Protein backbone atom coordinates (compact mmCIF):
# COMPACT_ATOMS: atom_id res chain seq x y z
CA MET A 1 6.79 -6.60 -14.84
CA GLU A 2 4.84 -3.45 -13.91
CA THR A 3 1.83 -3.60 -12.12
CA GLN A 4 -1.55 -1.89 -13.58
CA ARG A 5 -0.95 0.72 -10.63
CA GLN A 6 2.43 1.50 -11.58
CA LYS A 7 1.14 2.01 -15.60
CA LYS A 8 -1.18 4.09 -14.28
CA ILE A 9 1.40 6.17 -11.80
CA ASN A 10 3.85 6.49 -14.82
CA ALA A 11 1.42 7.84 -17.14
CA LEU A 12 0.45 10.75 -14.79
CA LEU A 13 3.81 11.52 -13.64
CA GLN A 14 4.83 12.06 -17.21
CA GLN A 15 2.12 14.04 -18.54
CA GLU A 16 2.58 16.22 -15.38
CA ILE A 17 6.04 16.47 -15.32
CA THR A 18 6.25 17.50 -19.09
CA THR A 19 3.41 20.03 -18.73
CA LEU A 20 5.44 21.67 -15.63
CA LEU A 21 9.01 21.30 -17.48
CA GLN A 22 7.30 23.06 -20.55
CA GLY A 23 5.62 25.53 -18.80
CA ALA A 24 8.73 26.52 -16.97
CA VAL A 25 10.94 26.53 -20.65
CA ARG A 26 7.97 28.88 -21.88
CA HIS A 27 7.94 31.17 -19.07
CA HIS A 28 11.70 31.76 -19.00
CA GLY A 29 11.77 32.18 -22.54
CA VAL A 30 14.06 29.86 -23.87
CA LYS A 31 13.80 29.79 -27.45
CA ASN A 32 15.03 26.65 -29.96
CA LEU A 33 14.34 23.77 -27.14
CA VAL A 34 12.33 20.97 -27.65
CA LEU A 35 12.19 19.17 -24.31
CA SER A 36 9.89 15.80 -23.97
CA ILE A 37 9.37 13.04 -21.43
CA SER A 38 10.19 10.19 -22.96
CA LYS A 39 9.80 7.55 -20.35
CA VAL A 40 9.00 7.77 -16.53
CA ALA A 41 9.52 4.25 -14.42
CA VAL A 42 7.96 4.40 -11.07
CA THR A 43 9.68 1.70 -8.61
CA VAL A 44 7.36 -1.50 -6.95
CA ASP A 45 7.10 0.60 -3.78
CA LEU A 46 6.55 3.71 -5.10
CA SER A 47 9.01 5.84 -3.82
CA VAL A 48 11.40 6.65 -6.39
CA ALA A 49 10.42 7.64 -10.22
CA LYS A 50 12.88 7.58 -13.06
CA VAL A 51 12.28 10.32 -15.46
CA TYR A 52 14.28 9.96 -18.94
CA LEU A 53 14.01 13.40 -20.88
CA SER A 54 14.85 13.85 -24.57
CA VAL A 55 16.37 17.32 -25.40
CA PHE A 56 16.82 19.14 -29.13
CA PRO A 57 19.21 20.24 -29.70
CA HIS A 58 21.56 17.32 -28.29
CA ASP A 59 24.48 20.23 -27.67
CA LYS A 60 22.04 21.87 -25.10
CA ALA A 61 21.09 18.63 -23.31
CA LYS A 62 23.23 18.22 -20.76
CA GLU A 63 22.88 21.64 -19.42
CA THR A 64 19.38 21.84 -19.47
CA LEU A 65 19.60 17.98 -17.55
CA ALA A 66 21.71 19.94 -15.02
CA GLY A 67 19.49 22.99 -14.79
CA ILE A 68 16.66 20.65 -13.96
CA LYS A 69 18.45 18.50 -11.41
CA LYS A 70 18.97 21.68 -9.45
CA ASN A 71 15.69 22.02 -9.36
CA THR A 72 14.32 18.96 -8.78
CA ALA A 73 13.12 20.01 -5.04
CA VAL A 74 10.90 22.79 -6.51
CA LEU A 75 9.54 20.50 -9.20
CA ARG A 76 8.60 17.95 -7.14
CA HIS A 77 6.77 20.81 -5.01
CA ASP A 78 4.73 21.62 -7.85
CA LEU A 79 4.11 18.01 -8.92
CA ALA A 80 2.81 17.75 -5.45
CA GLN A 81 0.37 20.63 -5.09
CA LYS A 82 -0.70 19.29 -9.19
CA LEU A 83 -1.44 15.94 -8.09
CA ARG A 84 -2.53 16.20 -4.27
CA HIS A 85 -5.70 14.70 -4.87
CA ASP A 86 -4.50 11.56 -6.63
CA LEU A 87 -1.34 10.40 -5.16
CA ARG A 88 -0.78 10.36 -1.25
CA LYS A 89 3.46 10.80 -1.56
CA ILE A 90 5.31 11.93 -4.58
CA PRO A 91 8.18 9.83 -5.51
CA ASN A 92 11.37 11.20 -5.55
CA LEU A 93 12.61 11.91 -9.09
CA LEU A 94 15.60 11.11 -10.55
CA PHE A 95 16.58 12.51 -13.92
CA PHE A 96 18.22 10.61 -17.15
CA LEU A 97 18.79 11.63 -20.81
CA ASP A 98 16.89 9.65 -23.35
CA ASP A 99 19.89 9.24 -25.60
CA SER A 100 17.83 6.57 -28.03
CA LEU A 101 17.55 9.59 -30.61
CA GLU A 102 21.09 9.92 -31.03
CA TYR A 103 21.63 6.29 -30.86
CA ILE A 104 19.16 5.73 -33.96
CA SER A 105 20.28 9.19 -35.83
CA ALA A 106 24.23 7.27 -35.36
CA ILE A 107 22.79 4.17 -37.17
CA GLU A 108 21.24 5.91 -39.65
CA ALA A 109 24.62 8.01 -40.13
CA SER A 110 26.37 4.73 -40.66
CA LEU A 111 24.24 2.91 -42.94
CA GLU A 112 23.95 5.99 -45.54
CA ARG A 113 28.03 6.02 -45.64
CA LYS A 114 28.55 4.81 -49.19
CA ASN A 115 31.98 2.59 -47.95
CA ASP A 116 31.29 -0.38 -46.32
CA PRO A 117 32.62 -0.64 -43.23
CA LEU A 118 33.08 -4.37 -43.23
CA LYS A 119 35.34 -4.10 -46.27
CA GLU A 120 37.79 -1.39 -44.40
C-alpha cells in the first residue's frame, strides 16, 4: 500500500518527467510521436522510481524507450535541477513500456471479429 508521501512524489515525478520528455521531443523536432507517462511507482525507501511510458505509434515504442534509457542520467540530472527544492534525493529511474493500450486494442479487435473463436 502506498503512503501519502509516495503518492505525492509519484504525481510530482510524473508531471516533471512528462514535461522534460515532451520538451526534448519538441526540441529535437520529432514529428508524429505521442509520448506520455501513464504511471510512476516509487519504492517505499524512495530510492527507485519505475516509470511506465505510453508511446504512439506503437512501432516507434522500442526505439523511443531505448533512446530514453540511454539518456537516463541526463534526464535524472535535469529532474534534479527542477526538483532541488522539493526532493533531497532524486530516485533512480527505471523505464518500462506500458502496453495496456495494445492489450485493449487486441481485445477490441478480437471482439469485432464476426466469427466466434469458441466455435472454431
